[in-house]
Amino acid sequence: MTKAEGIIIRTTDYGENNKIVTLYTSEFGKIGLMARGAKKPKSMLSSISHVFFYGLCLFNKGRGLGSLYQAESINPFRLILSDIEKTGYAALIVELTDRLTEDSQPFPGLYRLLRDTLLLIEKGTDAAILASIFAVKMMKVAGIDPEVDHCLRCGNEAGPFKFSLSGGGILCRNCEASDPYALPMTPSVARLLPLFKKIPLNRIGNISVRQETIGEIESIIAAYYERNAGIRLRAWRFIEQLSHFRAKE
């Protein structure tokens, strides 16, 4: 038996009564666990076998699929689960974690980043900003860390800049012709991308960013992941649909 703090980042129905939960932990990385009877309403596992569960879990970790026996919640993330927009951005964060990690590969720093980002969303920090910060920081994990401090061709630090998906970073006005498909960037985005890449979560505070600016950053992030990591997240589509719906209100 093993007891560890973790966050459930994915669940899959298995048979009539069971679920397979994917738990992300500091000590063991990502592990798959069978939650037997979790789909039964009276099962003690039914209330904990869901995405975003964060708590202390008691489980048996085998070579393949382990077994989840019980768990105790540390934070139920009620605010996240009661707000559709926060749920959408939290879903993006856990989906990205799942897509960019391998089973049984401990990465304590990533676990802390995941946990602390969700906790900040729960405390009321802007979910869209936190999701973008998380996604930018995860680019290093994905092996596609972009150059956003200066022009990737000549080193020029003076804008305006465009973002080159194929080149992996920003291009100044003198070099932008090297990539005719480079995406335009406003000065605000050019300032925020390096900040998002470097800022520790405990120094974020109350950041205020215009919705249009965050939308521009999200578009660049989504396109960059798709172009360079082959990842198109389901959560991005949900967030885009939600944004379009609210724009019509």
C-alpha atoms as a PDB file:
ATOM      1  CA  MET A   1       0.000   0.000   0.000  1.00  0.00           C
ATOM      2  CA  THR A   2       1.144   3.505  -0.838  1.00  0.00           C
ATOM      3  CA  LYS A   3      -0.198   6.867   0.314  1.00  0.00           C
ATOM      4  CA  ALA A   4       0.553   9.982  -1.700  1.00  0.00           C
ATOM      5  CA  GLU A   5      -0.832  13.412  -2.478  1.00  0.00           C
ATOM      6  CA  GLY A   6      -2.118  13.689  -6.015  1.00  0.00           C
ATOM      7  CA  ILE A   7      -4.490  15.218  -8.544  1.00  0.00           C
ATOM      8  CA  ILE A   8      -6.715  13.217 -10.872  1.00  0.00           C
ATOM      9  CA  ILE A   9      -6.134  14.514 -14.399  1.00  0.00           C
ATOM     10  CA  ARG A  10      -8.198  11.996 -16.389  1.00  0.00           C
ATOM     11  CA  THR A  11     -10.858   9.333 -15.877  1.00  0.00           C
ATOM     12  CA  THR A  12     -12.111   6.553 -18.148  1.00  0.00           C
ATOM     13  CA  ASP A  13     -15.183   4.398 -17.616  1.00  0.00           C
ATOM     14  CA  TYR A  14     -14.355   0.698 -17.414  1.00  0.00           C
ATOM     15  CA  GLY A  15     -17.204  -1.757 -17.517  1.00  0.00           C
ATOM     16  CA  GLU A  16     -20.503  -1.105 -15.817  1.00  0.00           C
ATOM     17  CA  ASN A  17     -19.225  -0.138 -12.394  1.00  0.00           C
ATOM     18  CA  ASN A  18     -15.549   0.806 -12.579  1.00  0.00           C
ATOM     19  CA  LYS A  19     -13.353   3.714 -13.568  1.00  0.00           C
ATOM     20  CA  ILE A  20      -9.701   4.015 -14.473  1.00  0.00           C
ATOM     21  CA  VAL A  21      -8.306   7.209 -12.969  1.00  0.00           C
ATOM     22  CA  THR A  22      -5.063   8.857 -14.007  1.00  0.00           C
ATOM     23  CA  LEU A  23      -3.413  10.328 -10.913  1.00  0.00           C
ATOM     24  CA  TYR A  24      -0.542  12.794 -11.082  1.00  0.00           C
ATOM     25  CA  THR A  25       1.757  12.779  -8.053  1.00  0.00           C
ATOM     26  CA  SER A  26       5.044  14.323  -7.013  1.00  0.00           C
ATOM     27  CA  GLU A  27       6.688  11.054  -5.994  1.00  0.00           C
ATOM     28  CA  PHE A  28       5.559   8.752  -8.812  1.00  0.00           C
ATOM     29  CA  GLY A  29       4.596  11.046 -11.666  1.00  0.00           C
ATOM     30  CA  LYS A  30       1.581   9.901 -13.663  1.00  0.00           C
ATOM     31  CA  ILE A  31       0.006   6.585 -12.695  1.00  0.00           C
ATOM     32  CA  GLY A  32      -3.108   4.690 -13.744  1.00  0.00           C
ATOM     33  CA  LEU A  33      -5.340   3.229 -11.046  1.00  0.00           C
ATOM     34  CA  MET A  34      -8.453   1.093 -11.170  1.00  0.00           C
ATOM     35  CA  ALA A  35     -11.247   2.496  -9.018  1.00  0.00           C
ATOM     36  CA  ARG A  36     -13.487  -0.519  -8.619  1.00  0.00           C
ATOM     37  CA  GLY A  37     -17.156   0.240  -8.103  1.00  0.00           C
ATOM     38  CA  ALA A  38     -16.594   3.996  -8.578  1.00  0.00           C
ATOM     39  CA  LYS A  39     -19.649   4.300 -10.839  1.00  0.00           C
ATOM     40  CA  LYS A  40     -21.928   2.932  -8.135  1.00  0.00           C
ATOM     41  CA  PRO A  41     -23.678   5.817  -6.322  1.00  0.00           C
ATOM     42  CA  LYS A  42     -23.112   4.276  -2.886  1.00  0.00           C
ATOM     43  CA  SER A  43     -19.446   3.494  -3.442  1.00  0.00           C
ATOM     44  CA  MET A  44     -16.997   5.455  -1.295  1.00  0.00           C
ATOM     45  CA  LEU A  45     -14.932   5.986  -4.466  1.00  0.00           C
ATOM     46  CA  SER A  46     -17.761   7.587  -6.454  1.00  0.00           C
ATOM     47  CA  SER A  47     -17.253  11.046  -4.934  1.00  0.00           C
ATOM     48  CA  ILE A  48     -13.495  11.093  -5.461  1.00  0.00           C
ATOM     49  CA  SER A  49     -13.020   9.435  -8.855  1.00  0.00           C
ATOM     50  CA  HIS A  50     -13.353  12.581 -10.937  1.00  0.00           C
ATOM     51  CA  VAL A  51     -11.065  14.994 -12.741  1.00  0.00           C
ATOM     52  CA  PHE A  52      -9.686  17.762 -10.463  1.00  0.00           C
ATOM     53  CA  PHE A  53      -9.872  15.621  -7.337  1.00  0.00           C
ATOM     54  CA  TYR A  54      -6.960  16.756  -5.165  1.00  0.00           C
ATOM     55  CA  GLY A  55      -6.127  14.847  -2.028  1.00  0.00           C
ATOM     56  CA  LEU A  56      -4.275  12.080  -0.228  1.00  0.00           C
ATOM     57  CA  CYS A  57      -4.777   8.776  -2.002  1.00  0.00           C
ATOM     58  CA  LEU A  58      -4.252   5.246  -0.756  1.00  0.00           C
ATOM     59  CA  PHE A  59      -3.434   2.866  -3.576  1.00  0.00           C
ATOM     60  CA  ASN A  60      -1.518  -0.169  -4.690  1.00  0.00           C
ATOM     61  CA  LYS A  61       0.934   0.661  -7.466  1.00  0.00           C
ATOM     62  CA  GLY A  62       1.638  -2.358  -9.667  1.00  0.00           C
ATOM     63  CA  ARG A  63       3.773  -2.747 -12.770  1.00  0.00           C
ATOM     64  CA  GLY A  64       0.795  -1.933 -14.910  1.00  0.00           C
ATOM     65  CA  LEU A  65      -2.536  -0.658 -13.664  1.00  0.00           C
ATOM     66  CA  GLY A  66      -2.717  -0.219  -9.904  1.00  0.00           C
ATOM     67  CA  SER A  67      -5.741  -0.053  -7.608  1.00  0.00           C
ATOM     68  CA  LEU A  68      -7.222   2.945  -5.798  1.00  0.00           C
ATOM     69  CA  TYR A  69      -8.656   2.063  -2.397  1.00  0.00           C
ATOM     70  CA  GLN A  70      -9.558   5.339  -0.733  1.00  0.00           C
ATOM     71  CA  ALA A  71      -8.755   9.044  -0.736  1.00  0.00           C
ATOM     72  CA  GLU A  72      -9.184  12.109   1.422  1.00  0.00           C
ATOM     73  CA  SER A  73      -9.777  15.490  -0.176  1.00  0.00           C
ATOM     74  CA  ILE A  74      -7.358  18.341   0.548  1.00  0.00           C
ATOM     75  CA  ASN A  75      -9.217  20.950  -1.485  1.00  0.00           C
ATOM     76  CA  PRO A  76     -12.518  20.193  -3.294  1.00  0.00           C
ATOM     77  CA  PHE A  77     -12.023  23.041  -5.822  1.00  0.00           C
ATOM     78  CA  ARG A  78     -15.633  24.132  -5.394  1.00  0.00           C
ATOM     79  CA  LEU A  79     -15.102  27.499  -7.099  1.00  0.00           C
ATOM     80  CA  ILE A  80     -13.520  25.868 -10.154  1.00  0.00           C
ATOM     81  CA  LEU A  81     -16.265  23.260 -10.450  1.00  0.00           C
ATOM     82  CA  SER A  82     -19.059  25.830 -10.056  1.00  0.00           C
ATOM     83  CA  ASP A  83     -17.816  28.156 -12.808  1.00  0.00           C
ATOM     84  CA  ILE A  84     -17.879  26.944 -16.414  1.00  0.00           C
ATOM     85  CA  GLU A  85     -15.064  29.251 -17.531  1.00  0.00           C
ATOM     86  CA  LYS A  86     -12.775  28.265 -14.655  1.00  0.00           C
ATOM     87  CA  THR A  87     -13.607  24.605 -15.311  1.00  0.00           C
ATOM     88  CA  GLY A  88     -12.647  25.048 -18.966  1.00  0.00           C
ATOM     89  CA  TYR A  89      -9.250  26.567 -18.193  1.00  0.00           C
ATOM     90  CA  ALA A  90      -8.573  24.019 -15.455  1.00  0.00           C
ATOM     91  CA  ALA A  91      -9.425  21.290 -17.976  1.00  0.00           C
ATOM     92  CA  LEU A  92      -6.861  22.750 -20.356  1.00  0.00           C
ATOM     93  CA  ILE A  93      -4.218  22.616 -17.629  1.00  0.00           C
ATOM     94  CA  VAL A  94      -4.814  18.978 -16.666  1.00  0.00           C
ATOM     95  CA  GLU A  95      -5.178  17.876 -20.305  1.00  0.00           C
ATOM     96  CA  LEU A  96      -1.881  19.497 -21.213  1.00  0.00           C
ATOM     97  CA  THR A  97      -0.246  17.801 -18.221  1.00  0.00           C
ATOM     98  CA  ASP A  98      -1.605  14.457 -19.348  1.00  0.00           C
ATOM     99  CA  ARG A  99      -0.519  14.894 -22.974  1.00  0.00           C
ATOM    100  CA  LEU A 100       3.025  15.995 -22.155  1.00  0.00           C
ATOM    101  CA  THR A 101       3.962  13.440 -19.506  1.00  0.00           C
ATOM    102  CA  GLU A 102       4.839   9.752 -19.550  1.00  0.00           C
ATOM    103  CA  ASP A 103       3.703   7.181 -17.000  1.00  0.00           C
ATOM    104  CA  SER A 104       5.809   6.646 -13.873  1.00  0.00           C
ATOM    105  CA  GLN A 105       8.209   9.525 -14.557  1.00  0.00           C
ATOM    106  CA  PRO A 106       8.440  11.645 -11.366  1.00  0.00           C
ATOM    107  CA  PHE A 107       8.667  15.395 -11.969  1.00  0.00           C
ATOM    108  CA  PRO A 108       8.139  17.157  -8.611  1.00  0.00           C
ATOM    109  CA  GLY A 109       8.513  20.617 -10.126  1.00  0.00           C
ATOM    110  CA  LEU A 110       5.736  19.940 -12.610  1.00  0.00           C
ATOM    111  CA  TYR A 111       3.485  18.562  -9.897  1.00  0.00           C
ATOM    112  CA  ARG A 112       3.967  21.748  -7.868  1.00  0.00           C
ATOM    113  CA  LEU A 113       3.251  23.865 -10.955  1.00  0.00           C
ATOM    114  CA  LEU A 114       0.044  21.934 -11.644  1.00  0.00           C
ATOM    115  CA  ARG A 115      -1.128  22.001  -8.016  1.00  0.00           C
ATOM    116  CA  ASP A 116      -0.282  25.642  -7.388  1.00  0.00           C
ATOM    117  CA  THR A 117      -1.890  26.819 -10.638  1.00  0.00           C
ATOM    118  CA  LEU A 118      -5.161  25.100  -9.752  1.00  0.00           C
ATOM    119  CA  LEU A 119      -5.026  26.464  -6.211  1.00  0.00           C
ATOM    120  CA  LEU A 120      -4.577  30.007  -7.529  1.00  0.00           C
ATOM    121  CA  ILE A 121      -7.573  29.599  -9.836  1.00  0.00           C
ATOM    122  CA  GLU A 122      -9.564  28.366  -6.847  1.00  0.00           C
ATOM    123  CA  LYS A 123      -8.508  31.459  -4.870  1.00  0.00           C
ATOM    124  CA  GLY A 124      -9.844  33.714  -7.614  1.00  0.00           C
ATOM    125  CA  THR A 125      -6.794  34.622  -9.703  1.00  0.00           C
ATOM    126  CA  ASP A 126      -7.727  35.051 -13.357  1.00  0.00           C
ATOM    127  CA  ALA A 127      -8.070  31.549 -14.829  1.00  0.00           C
ATOM    128  CA  ALA A 128      -7.318  32.607 -18.416  1.00  0.00           C
ATOM    129  CA  ILE A 129      -4.051  34.273 -17.417  1.00  0.00           C
ATOM    130  CA  LEU A 130      -2.988  31.318 -15.268  1.00  0.00           C
ATOM    131  CA  ALA A 131      -3.780  28.827 -18.020  1.00  0.00           C
ATOM    132  CA  SER A 132      -1.670  30.813 -20.485  1.00  0.00           C
ATOM    133  CA  ILE A 133       1.210  31.043 -18.008  1.00  0.00           C
ATOM    134  CA  PHE A 134       0.992  27.299 -17.419  1.00  0.00           C
ATOM    135  CA  ALA A 135       0.912  26.554 -21.146  1.00  0.00           C
ATOM    136  CA  VAL A 136       3.928  28.779 -21.830  1.00  0.00           C
ATOM    137  CA  LYS A 137       5.928  27.162 -19.008  1.00  0.00           C
ATOM    138  CA  MET A 138       4.997  23.691 -20.272  1.00  0.00           C
ATOM    139  CA  MET A 139       6.569  24.402 -23.663  1.00  0.00           C
ATOM    140  CA  LYS A 140       9.937  23.582 -22.121  1.00  0.00           C
ATOM    141  CA  VAL A 141       8.580  20.209 -20.965  1.00  0.00           C
ATOM    142  CA  ALA A 142       7.319  19.607 -24.503  1.00  0.00           C
ATOM    143  CA  GLY A 143      10.766  20.384 -25.936  1.00  0.00           C
ATOM    144  CA  ILE A 144       9.500  23.373 -27.919  1.00  0.00           C
ATOM    145  CA  ASP A 145      10.621  26.240 -25.678  1.00  0.00           C
ATOM    146  CA  PRO A 146      10.413  29.370 -27.887  1.00  0.00           C
ATOM    147  CA  GLU A 147      12.734  32.358 -27.992  1.00  0.00           C
ATOM    148  CA  VAL A 148      10.650  35.292 -26.771  1.00  0.00           C
ATOM    149  CA  ASP A 149      13.276  37.623 -25.273  1.00  0.00           C
ATOM    150  CA  HIS A 150      14.766  38.812 -28.564  1.00  0.00           C
ATOM    151  CA  CYS A 151      14.660  38.182 -32.308  1.00  0.00           C
ATOM    152  CA  LEU A 152      15.599  34.574 -32.900  1.00  0.00           C
ATOM    153  CA  ARG A 153      17.605  35.467 -36.019  1.00  0.00           C
ATOM    154  CA  CYS A 154      19.536  38.638 -35.172  1.00  0.00           C
ATOM    155  CA  GLY A 155      19.064  39.057 -31.417  1.00  0.00           C
ATOM    156  CA  ASN A 156      17.367  42.437 -31.728  1.00  0.00           C
ATOM    157  CA  GLU A 157      15.428  43.291 -28.557  1.00  0.00           C
ATOM    158  CA  ALA A 158      13.490  46.201 -30.039  1.00  0.00           C
ATOM    159  CA  GLY A 159      10.022  45.591 -31.469  1.00  0.00           C
ATOM    160  CA  PRO A 160       7.672  45.427 -33.152  1.00  0.00           C
ATOM    161  CA  PHE A 161       7.798  41.648 -33.415  1.00  0.00           C
ATOM    162  CA  LYS A 162       5.998  38.808 -35.128  1.00  0.00           C
ATOM    163  CA  PHE A 163       5.804  35.246 -33.825  1.00  0.00           C
ATOM    164  CA  SER A 164       7.272  32.538 -36.031  1.00  0.00           C
ATOM    165  CA  LEU A 165       5.614  29.170 -35.453  1.00  0.00           C
ATOM    166  CA  SER A 166       8.096  27.348 -37.655  1.00  0.00           C
ATOM    167  CA  GLY A 167      11.149  29.194 -36.331  1.00  0.00           C
ATOM    168  CA  GLY A 168      10.188  28.867 -32.690  1.00  0.00           C
ATOM    169  CA  GLY A 169      10.145  32.437 -31.450  1.00  0.00           C
ATOM    170  CA  ILE A 170       9.847  36.099 -32.289  1.00  0.00           C
ATOM    171  CA  LEU A 171      11.148  37.969 -35.326  1.00  0.00           C
ATOM    172  CA  CYS A 172      11.912  41.673 -35.466  1.00  0.00           C
ATOM    173  CA  ARG A 173      10.835  43.927 -38.323  1.00  0.00           C
ATOM    174  CA  ASN A 174      14.168  43.439 -40.111  1.00  0.00           C
ATOM    175  CA  CYS A 175      13.878  39.633 -40.027  1.00  0.00           C
ATOM    176  CA  GLU A 176      10.153  39.010 -40.315  1.00  0.00           C
ATOM    177  CA  ALA A 177      10.434  38.447 -44.071  1.00  0.00           C
ATOM    178  CA  SER A 178      12.242  35.162 -43.322  1.00  0.00           C
ATOM    179  CA  ASP A 179       8.857  33.712 -42.314  1.00  0.00           C
ATOM    180  CA  PRO A 180       5.944  35.024 -44.407  1.00  0.00           C
ATOM    181  CA  TYR A 181       3.544  33.086 -42.176  1.00  0.00           C
ATOM    182  CA  ALA A 182       4.718  34.675 -38.906  1.00  0.00           C
ATOM    183  CA  LEU A 183       1.829  35.819 -36.706  1.00  0.00           C
ATOM    184  CA  PRO A 184       1.415  39.511 -35.855  1.00  0.00           C
ATOM    185  CA  MET A 185       1.925  40.482 -32.211  1.00  0.00           C
ATOM    186  CA  THR A 186       0.811  43.568 -30.348  1.00  0.00           C
ATOM    187  CA  PRO A 187       3.406  45.215 -28.066  1.00  0.00           C
ATOM    188  CA  SER A 188       1.445  43.942 -25.048  1.00  0.00           C
ATOM    189  CA  VAL A 189       1.765  40.336 -26.147  1.00  0.00           C
ATOM    190  CA  ALA A 190       5.461  40.781 -26.890  1.00  0.00           C
ATOM    191  CA  ARG A 191       5.950  42.033 -23.314  1.00  0.00           C
ATOM    192  CA  LEU A 192       3.812  39.380 -21.658  1.00  0.00           C
ATOM    193  CA  LEU A 193       5.213  36.221 -23.272  1.00  0.00           C
ATOM    194  CA  PRO A 194       8.676  36.583 -21.659  1.00  0.00           C
ATOM    195  CA  LEU A 195       6.993  37.453 -18.365  1.00  0.00           C
ATOM    196  CA  PHE A 196       4.755  34.380 -18.502  1.00  0.00           C
ATOM    197  CA  LYS A 197       7.777  32.218 -19.231  1.00  0.00           C
ATOM    198  CA  LYS A 198       9.838  33.436 -16.268  1.00  0.00           C
ATOM    199  CA  ILE A 199       7.530  34.635 -13.503  1.00  0.00           C
ATOM    200  CA  PRO A 200       7.179  32.337 -10.452  1.00  0.00           C
ATOM    201  CA  LEU A 201       3.570  31.584  -9.565  1.00  0.00           C
ATOM    202  CA  ASN A 202       3.995  33.007  -6.058  1.00  0.00           C
ATOM    203  CA  ARG A 203       4.762  36.416  -7.574  1.00  0.00           C
ATOM    204  CA  ILE A 204       1.772  36.674  -9.871  1.00  0.00           C
ATOM    205  CA  GLY A 205      -0.547  38.612  -7.575  1.00  0.00           C
ATOM    206  CA  ASN A 206      -3.497  40.309  -9.235  1.00  0.00           C
ATOM    207  CA  ILE A 207      -2.473  40.591 -12.882  1.00  0.00           C
ATOM    208  CA  SER A 208      -4.896  42.487 -15.088  1.00  0.00           C
ATOM    209  CA  VAL A 209      -4.756  41.811 -18.820  1.00  0.00           C
ATOM    210  CA  ARG A 210      -7.248  42.901 -21.460  1.00  0.00           C
ATOM    211  CA  GLN A 211      -9.441  40.128 -22.821  1.00  0.00           C
ATOM    212  CA  GLU A 212      -8.305  40.868 -26.378  1.00  0.00           C
ATOM    213  CA  THR A 213      -4.662  40.475 -25.338  1.00  0.00           C
ATOM    214  CA  ILE A 214      -5.288  37.140 -23.635  1.00  0.00           C
ATOM    215  CA  GLY A 215      -7.214  35.998 -26.705  1.00  0.00           C
ATOM    216  CA  GLU A 216      -4.223  36.847 -28.883  1.00  0.00           C
ATOM    217  CA  ILE A 217      -1.851  34.975 -26.556  1.00  0.00           C
ATOM    218  CA  GLU A 218      -4.159  31.942 -26.512  1.00  0.00           C
ATOM    219  CA  SER A 219      -4.236  31.864 -30.319  1.00  0.00           C
ATOM    220  CA  ILE A 220      -0.436  31.921 -30.522  1.00  0.00           C
ATOM    221  CA  ILE A 221      -0.075  29.231 -27.832  1.00  0.00           C
ATOM    222  CA  ALA A 222      -2.650  26.927 -29.448  1.00  0.00           C
ATOM    223  CA  ALA A 223      -1.122  27.321 -32.922  1.00  0.00           C
ATOM    224  CA  TYR A 224       2.406  26.796 -31.585  1.00  0.00           C
ATOM    225  CA  TYR A 225       1.536  23.572 -29.786  1.00  0.00           C
ATOM    226  CA  GLU A 226      -0.298  22.245 -32.828  1.00  0.00           C
ATOM    227  CA  ARG A 227       2.528  23.153 -35.227  1.00  0.00           C
ATOM    228  CA  ASN A 228       5.477  21.988 -33.122  1.00  0.00           C
ATOM    229  CA  ALA A 229       4.138  19.309 -30.768  1.00  0.00           C
ATOM    230  CA  GLY A 230       1.215  17.972 -32.789  1.00  0.00           C
ATOM    231  CA  ILE A 231      -1.137  18.729 -29.904  1.00  0.00           C
ATOM    232  CA  ARG A 232      -4.639  20.066 -30.403  1.00  0.00           C
ATOM    233  CA  LEU A 233      -6.344  20.146 -27.016  1.00  0.00           C
ATOM    234  CA  ARG A 234     -10.058  19.466 -26.624  1.00  0.00           C
ATOM    235  CA  ALA A 235     -10.172  22.137 -23.931  1.00  0.00           C
ATOM    236  CA  TRP A 236      -9.040  24.816 -26.426  1.00  0.00           C
ATOM    237  CA  ARG A 237     -12.090  24.096 -28.578  1.00  0.00           C
ATOM    238  CA  PHE A 238     -14.371  24.394 -25.560  1.00  0.00           C
ATOM    239  CA  ILE A 239     -12.798  27.714 -24.538  1.00  0.00           C
ATOM    240  CA  GLU A 240     -13.086  29.054 -28.106  1.00  0.00           C
ATOM    241  CA  GLN A 241     -16.745  28.067 -28.263  1.00  0.00           C
ATOM    242  CA  LEU A 242     -17.401  29.679 -24.883  1.00  0.00           C
ATOM    243  CA  SER A 243     -15.689  32.899 -26.007  1.00  0.00           C
ATOM    244  CA  HIS A 244     -17.732  33.030 -29.222  1.00  0.00           C
ATOM    245  CA  PHE A 245     -20.932  32.432 -27.275  1.00  0.00           C
ATOM    246  CA  ARG A 246     -20.198  35.201 -24.793  1.00  0.00           C
ATOM    247  CA  ALA A 247     -19.206  37.593 -27.575  1.00  0.00           C
ATOM    248  CA  LYS A 248     -22.756  37.263 -28.950  1.00  0.00           C
ATOM    249  CA  GLU A 249     -24.377  38.089 -25.613  1.00  0.00           C
END
